[in-house]
Amino acid sequence: MDKAFKKEEFETLKIKKSVAIEFRKFSKMLSKSQSMTLLLMMDFFNENGICPTESLGPRMETLEKRISVLIKKRMNGMIAIMKGIEKTQTKPTVAMLQSLFEQAEPPKKKLFLEKNPPENTGNVRFREIKNLEIDK
């Protein structure tokens, strides 16, 4: 029995013998005392708004709606977490890697027009000049 109910006195209820046997089996299956099993059952019915005398047809629809609302809330929470991770971790990391790669690009060699073009060809020729800043 629960410690909170340890000092309370026992009260008798009049129920049929077959119901008492089934209830005791159910209590043993839950590994709870009979008082705690009955209290858990009453709490379950009260919290979920289910009446034992009603059929579960229309109530199951409301339970499904509650479950879908909870799932949507969880999904929205997961989306918020993923967006937070993206803003705080992924995007800064990608920006840092891109800046590293931009700095690592080899410098482009400058092309200059040759002053003395060959006489027979009308094509412009370019020659490469090494960048002296790299050699330093």
N, C-alpha and C. Protein backbone atom coordinates (compact mmCIF):
# COMPACT_ATOMS: atom_id res chain seq x y z
N MET A 1 0.84 -1.18 0.00
CA MET A 1 0.00 0.00 0.00
C MET A 1 0.88 1.24 0.00
N ASP A 2 0.35 2.29 -0.48
CA ASP A 2 1.08 3.56 -0.55
C ASP A 2 1.29 4.11 0.84
N LYS A 3 2.44 4.78 1.06
CA LYS A 3 2.77 5.31 2.38
C LYS A 3 1.77 6.37 2.84
N ALA A 4 1.21 7.12 1.91
CA ALA A 4 0.27 8.18 2.27
C ALA A 4 -1.02 7.61 2.88
N PHE A 5 -1.37 6.39 2.52
CA PHE A 5 -2.60 5.78 3.00
C PHE A 5 -2.36 4.79 4.13
N LYS A 6 -1.15 4.68 4.61
CA LYS A 6 -0.80 3.67 5.60
C LYS A 6 -1.56 3.85 6.91
N LYS A 7 -1.80 5.09 7.34
CA LYS A 7 -2.44 5.35 8.62
C LYS A 7 -3.97 5.35 8.54
N GLU A 8 -4.52 5.26 7.34
CA GLU A 8 -5.97 5.29 7.20
C GLU A 8 -6.57 3.94 7.58
N GLU A 9 -7.80 3.99 8.06
CA GLU A 9 -8.50 2.77 8.42
C GLU A 9 -9.11 2.12 7.18
N PHE A 10 -9.37 0.83 7.29
CA PHE A 10 -10.01 0.10 6.20
C PHE A 10 -11.52 0.24 6.31
N GLU A 11 -12.15 0.24 5.18
CA GLU A 11 -13.61 0.31 5.10
C GLU A 11 -14.05 -0.88 4.25
N THR A 12 -15.17 -1.45 4.55
CA THR A 12 -15.64 -2.59 3.77
C THR A 12 -16.65 -2.12 2.72
N LEU A 13 -16.62 -2.81 1.62
CA LEU A 13 -17.58 -2.58 0.55
C LEU A 13 -18.30 -3.89 0.29
N LYS A 14 -19.56 -3.82 -0.02
CA LYS A 14 -20.31 -5.03 -0.33
C LYS A 14 -20.32 -5.22 -1.83
N ILE A 15 -19.60 -6.27 -2.28
CA ILE A 15 -19.61 -6.62 -3.69
C ILE A 15 -19.80 -8.13 -3.79
N LYS A 16 -20.23 -8.57 -4.93
CA LYS A 16 -20.47 -10.00 -5.14
C LYS A 16 -19.14 -10.75 -5.14
N LYS A 17 -19.21 -12.02 -4.76
CA LYS A 17 -18.01 -12.83 -4.60
C LYS A 17 -17.25 -12.98 -5.92
N SER A 18 -17.96 -13.20 -7.02
CA SER A 18 -17.29 -13.38 -8.32
C SER A 18 -16.58 -12.09 -8.75
N VAL A 19 -17.17 -10.93 -8.44
CA VAL A 19 -16.55 -9.64 -8.77
C VAL A 19 -15.30 -9.45 -7.90
N ALA A 20 -15.38 -9.83 -6.64
CA ALA A 20 -14.23 -9.70 -5.74
C ALA A 20 -13.07 -10.57 -6.21
N ILE A 21 -13.36 -11.77 -6.68
CA ILE A 21 -12.31 -12.67 -7.17
C ILE A 21 -11.64 -12.07 -8.40
N GLU A 22 -12.44 -11.56 -9.34
CA GLU A 22 -11.88 -10.93 -10.55
C GLU A 22 -11.05 -9.70 -10.20
N PHE A 23 -11.56 -8.91 -9.23
CA PHE A 23 -10.84 -7.70 -8.84
C PHE A 23 -9.51 -8.04 -8.18
N ARG A 24 -9.48 -9.10 -7.37
CA ARG A 24 -8.23 -9.52 -6.73
C ARG A 24 -7.22 -10.00 -7.77
N LYS A 25 -7.69 -10.73 -8.80
CA LYS A 25 -6.82 -11.17 -9.88
C LYS A 25 -6.23 -9.96 -10.62
N PHE A 26 -7.09 -8.98 -10.88
CA PHE A 26 -6.65 -7.78 -11.57
C PHE A 26 -5.62 -7.01 -10.73
N SER A 27 -5.83 -6.92 -9.42
CA SER A 27 -4.89 -6.25 -8.52
C SER A 27 -3.55 -6.95 -8.51
N LYS A 28 -3.57 -8.29 -8.50
CA LYS A 28 -2.31 -9.05 -8.52
C LYS A 28 -1.59 -8.86 -9.85
N MET A 29 -2.35 -8.76 -10.95
CA MET A 29 -1.75 -8.55 -12.25
C MET A 29 -1.02 -7.20 -12.29
N LEU A 30 -1.57 -6.18 -11.62
CA LEU A 30 -0.94 -4.86 -11.56
C LEU A 30 0.14 -4.78 -10.49
N SER A 31 0.20 -5.78 -9.63
CA SER A 31 1.12 -5.80 -8.49
C SER A 31 0.88 -4.62 -7.56
N LYS A 32 -0.37 -4.33 -7.34
CA LYS A 32 -0.79 -3.24 -6.44
C LYS A 32 -1.78 -3.81 -5.43
N SER A 33 -1.94 -3.08 -4.33
CA SER A 33 -2.96 -3.48 -3.36
C SER A 33 -4.33 -3.20 -3.96
N GLN A 34 -5.35 -3.78 -3.34
CA GLN A 34 -6.71 -3.60 -3.86
C GLN A 34 -7.13 -2.14 -3.77
N SER A 35 -6.75 -1.47 -2.68
CA SER A 35 -7.10 -0.06 -2.52
C SER A 35 -6.43 0.79 -3.59
N MET A 36 -5.15 0.54 -3.86
CA MET A 36 -4.42 1.31 -4.86
C MET A 36 -4.93 1.03 -6.27
N THR A 37 -5.31 -0.23 -6.54
CA THR A 37 -5.85 -0.58 -7.84
C THR A 37 -7.15 0.17 -8.09
N LEU A 38 -8.02 0.19 -7.10
CA LEU A 38 -9.29 0.90 -7.24
C LEU A 38 -9.06 2.40 -7.40
N LEU A 39 -8.12 2.95 -6.66
CA LEU A 39 -7.80 4.37 -6.77
C LEU A 39 -7.24 4.70 -8.15
N LEU A 40 -6.35 3.85 -8.67
CA LEU A 40 -5.80 4.06 -10.01
C LEU A 40 -6.89 4.01 -11.08
N MET A 41 -7.82 3.07 -10.92
CA MET A 41 -8.91 2.96 -11.90
C MET A 41 -9.78 4.21 -11.88
N MET A 42 -10.12 4.69 -10.70
CA MET A 42 -10.96 5.88 -10.60
C MET A 42 -10.23 7.10 -11.17
N ASP A 43 -8.95 7.23 -10.87
CA ASP A 43 -8.17 8.34 -11.42
C ASP A 43 -8.12 8.29 -12.95
N PHE A 44 -7.95 7.09 -13.49
CA PHE A 44 -7.91 6.92 -14.94
C PHE A 44 -9.20 7.40 -15.58
N PHE A 45 -10.32 6.97 -15.04
CA PHE A 45 -11.61 7.37 -15.60
C PHE A 45 -11.83 8.87 -15.48
N ASN A 46 -11.46 9.43 -14.33
CA ASN A 46 -11.66 10.87 -14.14
C ASN A 46 -10.75 11.71 -15.05
N GLU A 47 -9.49 11.35 -15.18
CA GLU A 47 -8.55 12.12 -15.99
C GLU A 47 -8.87 12.06 -17.47
N ASN A 48 -9.33 10.92 -17.95
CA ASN A 48 -9.59 10.76 -19.37
C ASN A 48 -11.03 11.07 -19.76
N GLY A 49 -11.86 11.38 -18.79
CA GLY A 49 -13.25 11.72 -19.09
C GLY A 49 -14.03 10.57 -19.67
N ILE A 50 -13.71 9.38 -19.23
CA ILE A 50 -14.39 8.19 -19.74
C ILE A 50 -15.33 7.68 -18.66
N CYS A 51 -16.53 7.37 -19.07
CA CYS A 51 -17.50 6.80 -18.14
C CYS A 51 -17.61 5.31 -18.44
N PRO A 52 -17.51 4.44 -17.43
CA PRO A 52 -17.56 2.99 -17.69
C PRO A 52 -18.89 2.51 -18.27
N THR A 53 -19.96 3.28 -18.09
CA THR A 53 -21.26 2.85 -18.61
C THR A 53 -21.46 3.23 -20.07
N GLU A 54 -20.68 4.16 -20.59
CA GLU A 54 -20.81 4.58 -21.99
C GLU A 54 -20.00 3.65 -22.89
N SER A 55 -20.44 3.57 -24.15
CA SER A 55 -19.63 2.82 -25.11
C SER A 55 -18.46 3.72 -25.54
N LEU A 56 -17.39 3.11 -25.95
CA LEU A 56 -16.20 3.88 -26.29
C LEU A 56 -16.22 4.43 -27.71
N GLY A 57 -17.28 4.21 -28.45
CA GLY A 57 -17.37 4.69 -29.83
C GLY A 57 -17.09 6.17 -29.97
N PRO A 58 -17.95 7.04 -29.45
CA PRO A 58 -17.71 8.48 -29.62
C PRO A 58 -16.52 8.97 -28.79
N ARG A 59 -16.26 8.35 -27.65
CA ARG A 59 -15.14 8.78 -26.81
C ARG A 59 -13.80 8.44 -27.44
N MET A 60 -13.75 7.34 -28.17
CA MET A 60 -12.49 6.97 -28.83
C MET A 60 -12.08 8.04 -29.84
N GLU A 61 -13.09 8.65 -30.49
CA GLU A 61 -12.77 9.72 -31.43
C GLU A 61 -12.12 10.89 -30.70
N THR A 62 -12.63 11.23 -29.53
CA THR A 62 -12.05 12.34 -28.79
C THR A 62 -10.66 11.97 -28.29
N LEU A 63 -10.46 10.71 -27.91
CA LEU A 63 -9.12 10.27 -27.49
C LEU A 63 -8.14 10.35 -28.66
N GLU A 64 -8.61 9.95 -29.85
CA GLU A 64 -7.75 10.04 -31.03
C GLU A 64 -7.40 11.49 -31.33
N LYS A 65 -8.35 12.39 -31.16
CA LYS A 65 -8.09 13.81 -31.39
C LYS A 65 -7.06 14.32 -30.38
N ARG A 66 -7.20 13.93 -29.13
CA ARG A 66 -6.23 14.34 -28.11
C ARG A 66 -4.84 13.84 -28.44
N ILE A 67 -4.77 12.59 -28.87
CA ILE A 67 -3.48 12.00 -29.22
C ILE A 67 -2.87 12.74 -30.41
N SER A 68 -3.70 13.04 -31.42
CA SER A 68 -3.16 13.75 -32.59
C SER A 68 -2.70 15.15 -32.22
N VAL A 69 -3.40 15.81 -31.29
CA VAL A 69 -2.98 17.13 -30.84
C VAL A 69 -1.64 17.03 -30.11
N LEU A 70 -1.49 16.01 -29.26
CA LEU A 70 -0.22 15.81 -28.56
C LEU A 70 0.92 15.54 -29.53
N ILE A 71 0.64 14.74 -30.55
CA ILE A 71 1.67 14.43 -31.54
C ILE A 71 2.06 15.70 -32.29
N LYS A 72 1.07 16.52 -32.65
CA LYS A 72 1.38 17.77 -33.35
C LYS A 72 2.21 18.69 -32.47
N LYS A 73 1.90 18.75 -31.18
CA LYS A 73 2.68 19.58 -30.27
C LYS A 73 4.11 19.07 -30.19
N ARG A 74 4.28 17.77 -30.12
CA ARG A 74 5.62 17.18 -30.07
C ARG A 74 6.39 17.46 -31.35
N MET A 75 5.69 17.36 -32.48
CA MET A 75 6.34 17.63 -33.76
C MET A 75 6.76 19.09 -33.84
N ASN A 76 5.89 19.99 -33.39
CA ASN A 76 6.26 21.41 -33.39
C ASN A 76 7.46 21.65 -32.48
N GLY A 77 7.51 20.96 -31.36
CA GLY A 77 8.66 21.06 -30.47
C GLY A 77 9.93 20.56 -31.14
N MET A 78 9.83 19.44 -31.85
CA MET A 78 10.99 18.89 -32.55
C MET A 78 11.47 19.84 -33.65
N ILE A 79 10.51 20.45 -34.35
CA ILE A 79 10.87 21.40 -35.40
C ILE A 79 11.60 22.58 -34.79
N ALA A 80 11.12 23.07 -33.66
CA ALA A 80 11.78 24.19 -32.99
C ALA A 80 13.19 23.82 -32.56
N ILE A 81 13.36 22.61 -32.05
CA ILE A 81 14.69 22.15 -31.64
C ILE A 81 15.62 22.07 -32.85
N MET A 82 15.12 21.52 -33.95
CA MET A 82 15.94 21.40 -35.16
C MET A 82 16.33 22.77 -35.71
N LYS A 83 15.41 23.72 -35.68
CA LYS A 83 15.73 25.08 -36.14
C LYS A 83 16.77 25.72 -35.24
N GLY A 84 16.65 25.49 -33.95
CA GLY A 84 17.64 26.02 -33.02
C GLY A 84 19.01 25.44 -33.26
N ILE A 85 19.09 24.15 -33.50
CA ILE A 85 20.36 23.50 -33.80
C ILE A 85 20.94 24.05 -35.10
N GLU A 86 20.07 24.25 -36.08
CA GLU A 86 20.53 24.77 -37.36
C GLU A 86 21.11 26.18 -37.19
N LYS A 87 20.44 27.03 -36.41
CA LYS A 87 20.90 28.40 -36.24
C LYS A 87 22.18 28.47 -35.42
N THR A 88 22.26 27.67 -34.36
CA THR A 88 23.39 27.80 -33.45
C THR A 88 24.59 26.92 -33.81
N GLN A 89 24.36 25.84 -34.54
CA GLN A 89 25.47 24.92 -34.80
C GLN A 89 25.77 24.75 -36.28
N THR A 90 24.77 24.42 -37.07
CA THR A 90 25.01 24.05 -38.46
C THR A 90 25.45 25.23 -39.31
N LYS A 91 24.69 26.32 -39.29
CA LYS A 91 25.02 27.47 -40.13
C LYS A 91 26.37 28.09 -39.78
N PRO A 92 26.69 28.30 -38.49
CA PRO A 92 28.03 28.83 -38.20
C PRO A 92 29.16 27.90 -38.64
N THR A 93 28.96 26.61 -38.51
CA THR A 93 29.98 25.65 -38.93
C THR A 93 30.18 25.71 -40.44
N VAL A 94 29.08 25.76 -41.18
CA VAL A 94 29.17 25.84 -42.64
C VAL A 94 29.87 27.14 -43.05
N ALA A 95 29.54 28.24 -42.38
CA ALA A 95 30.17 29.52 -42.69
C ALA A 95 31.68 29.46 -42.43
N MET A 96 32.08 28.84 -41.34
CA MET A 96 33.50 28.71 -41.03
C MET A 96 34.21 27.87 -42.08
N LEU A 97 33.60 26.76 -42.49
CA LEU A 97 34.22 25.91 -43.51
C LEU A 97 34.32 26.64 -44.85
N GLN A 98 33.28 27.37 -45.21
CA GLN A 98 33.33 28.12 -46.47
C GLN A 98 34.43 29.17 -46.44
N SER A 99 34.58 29.86 -45.31
CA SER A 99 35.63 30.87 -45.23
C SER A 99 37.02 30.22 -45.32
N LEU A 100 37.17 29.02 -44.78
CA LEU A 100 38.45 28.32 -44.90
C LEU A 100 38.75 27.94 -46.35
N PHE A 101 37.72 27.47 -47.06
CA PHE A 101 37.91 27.09 -48.45
C PHE A 101 38.17 28.31 -49.34
N GLU A 102 37.53 29.42 -49.03
CA GLU A 102 37.76 30.63 -49.82
C GLU A 102 39.20 31.11 -49.66
N GLN A 103 39.75 31.00 -48.47
CA GLN A 103 41.13 31.41 -48.25
C GLN A 103 42.11 30.44 -48.89
N ALA A 104 41.73 29.22 -49.08
CA ALA A 104 42.64 28.20 -49.61
C ALA A 104 42.68 28.19 -51.13
N GLU A 105 41.88 28.97 -51.81
CA GLU A 105 41.88 28.98 -53.27
C GLU A 105 43.24 29.48 -53.77
N PRO A 106 43.77 28.85 -54.82
CA PRO A 106 45.05 29.32 -55.36
C PRO A 106 44.84 30.68 -56.04
N PRO A 107 45.80 31.56 -55.91
CA PRO A 107 45.65 32.88 -56.54
C PRO A 107 45.68 32.75 -58.06
N LYS A 108 44.92 33.58 -58.72
CA LYS A 108 44.86 33.55 -60.19
C LYS A 108 46.09 34.28 -60.75
N LYS A 109 46.65 33.73 -61.81
CA LYS A 109 47.81 34.34 -62.45
C LYS A 109 47.31 35.45 -63.39
N LYS A 110 48.01 36.56 -63.39
CA LYS A 110 47.63 37.70 -64.22
C LYS A 110 48.12 37.48 -65.64
N LEU A 111 47.29 37.87 -66.58
CA LEU A 111 47.65 37.77 -67.99
C LEU A 111 47.93 39.17 -68.52
N PHE A 112 49.03 39.31 -69.26
CA PHE A 112 49.40 40.61 -69.83
C PHE A 112 49.48 40.47 -71.35
N LEU A 113 49.19 41.56 -72.02
CA LEU A 113 49.28 41.61 -73.47
C LEU A 113 50.75 41.80 -73.87
N GLU A 114 51.21 40.99 -74.81
CA GLU A 114 52.61 41.06 -75.26
C GLU A 114 52.79 42.30 -76.12
N LYS A 115 53.88 43.02 -75.89
CA LYS A 115 54.11 44.27 -76.61
C LYS A 115 54.49 44.05 -78.07
N ASN A 116 55.24 43.03 -78.34
CA ASN A 116 55.69 42.78 -79.71
C ASN A 116 54.96 41.58 -80.29
N PRO A 117 53.80 41.77 -80.88
CA PRO A 117 53.09 40.62 -81.45
C PRO A 117 53.80 40.12 -82.71
N PRO A 118 53.67 38.85 -83.03
CA PRO A 118 54.25 38.33 -84.27
C PRO A 118 53.60 39.02 -85.48
N GLU A 119 54.37 39.16 -86.55
CA GLU A 119 53.91 39.94 -87.71
C GLU A 119 52.85 39.24 -88.52
N ASN A 120 52.95 37.93 -88.68
CA ASN A 120 52.06 37.23 -89.59
C ASN A 120 50.69 36.91 -88.99
N THR A 121 50.58 36.76 -87.70
CA THR A 121 49.29 36.35 -87.11
C THR A 121 48.56 37.55 -86.55
N GLY A 122 47.28 37.54 -86.67
CA GLY A 122 46.46 38.62 -86.15
C GLY A 122 45.94 38.31 -84.75
N ASN A 123 46.32 37.14 -84.22
CA ASN A 123 45.83 36.75 -82.89
C ASN A 123 46.61 37.46 -81.80
N VAL A 124 45.96 37.76 -80.72
CA VAL A 124 46.61 38.36 -79.56
C VAL A 124 47.12 37.24 -78.69
N ARG A 125 48.35 37.32 -78.25
CA ARG A 125 48.92 36.27 -77.41
C ARG A 125 49.09 36.80 -76.00
N PHE A 126 48.81 35.93 -75.05
CA PHE A 126 48.99 36.27 -73.65
C PHE A 126 50.06 35.39 -73.07
N ARG A 127 50.77 35.91 -72.12
CA ARG A 127 51.75 35.08 -71.42
C ARG A 127 51.52 35.24 -69.92
N GLU A 128 51.87 34.22 -69.19
CA GLU A 128 51.65 34.22 -67.75
C GLU A 128 52.85 34.82 -67.03
N ILE A 129 52.57 35.59 -66.03
CA ILE A 129 53.64 36.17 -65.21
C ILE A 129 53.41 35.62 -63.80
N LYS A 130 54.44 35.10 -63.23
CA LYS A 130 54.32 34.54 -61.88
C LYS A 130 54.05 35.63 -60.89
N ASN A 131 53.23 35.30 -59.94
CA ASN A 131 52.92 36.26 -58.89
C ASN A 131 54.05 36.21 -57.87
N LEU A 132 54.76 37.31 -57.73
CA LEU A 132 55.92 37.33 -56.85
C LEU A 132 55.53 37.29 -55.37
N GLU A 133 54.33 37.66 -55.06
CA GLU A 133 53.90 37.66 -53.65
C GLU A 133 53.81 36.25 -53.11
N ILE A 134 53.54 35.28 -53.91
CA ILE A 134 53.40 33.90 -53.46
C ILE A 134 54.76 33.32 -53.11
N ASP A 135 55.77 33.68 -53.85
CA ASP A 135 57.10 33.10 -53.64
C ASP A 135 57.73 33.59 -52.35
N LYS A 136 57.29 34.69 -51.79
CA LYS A 136 57.91 35.25 -50.58
C LYS A 136 57.64 34.43 -49.38
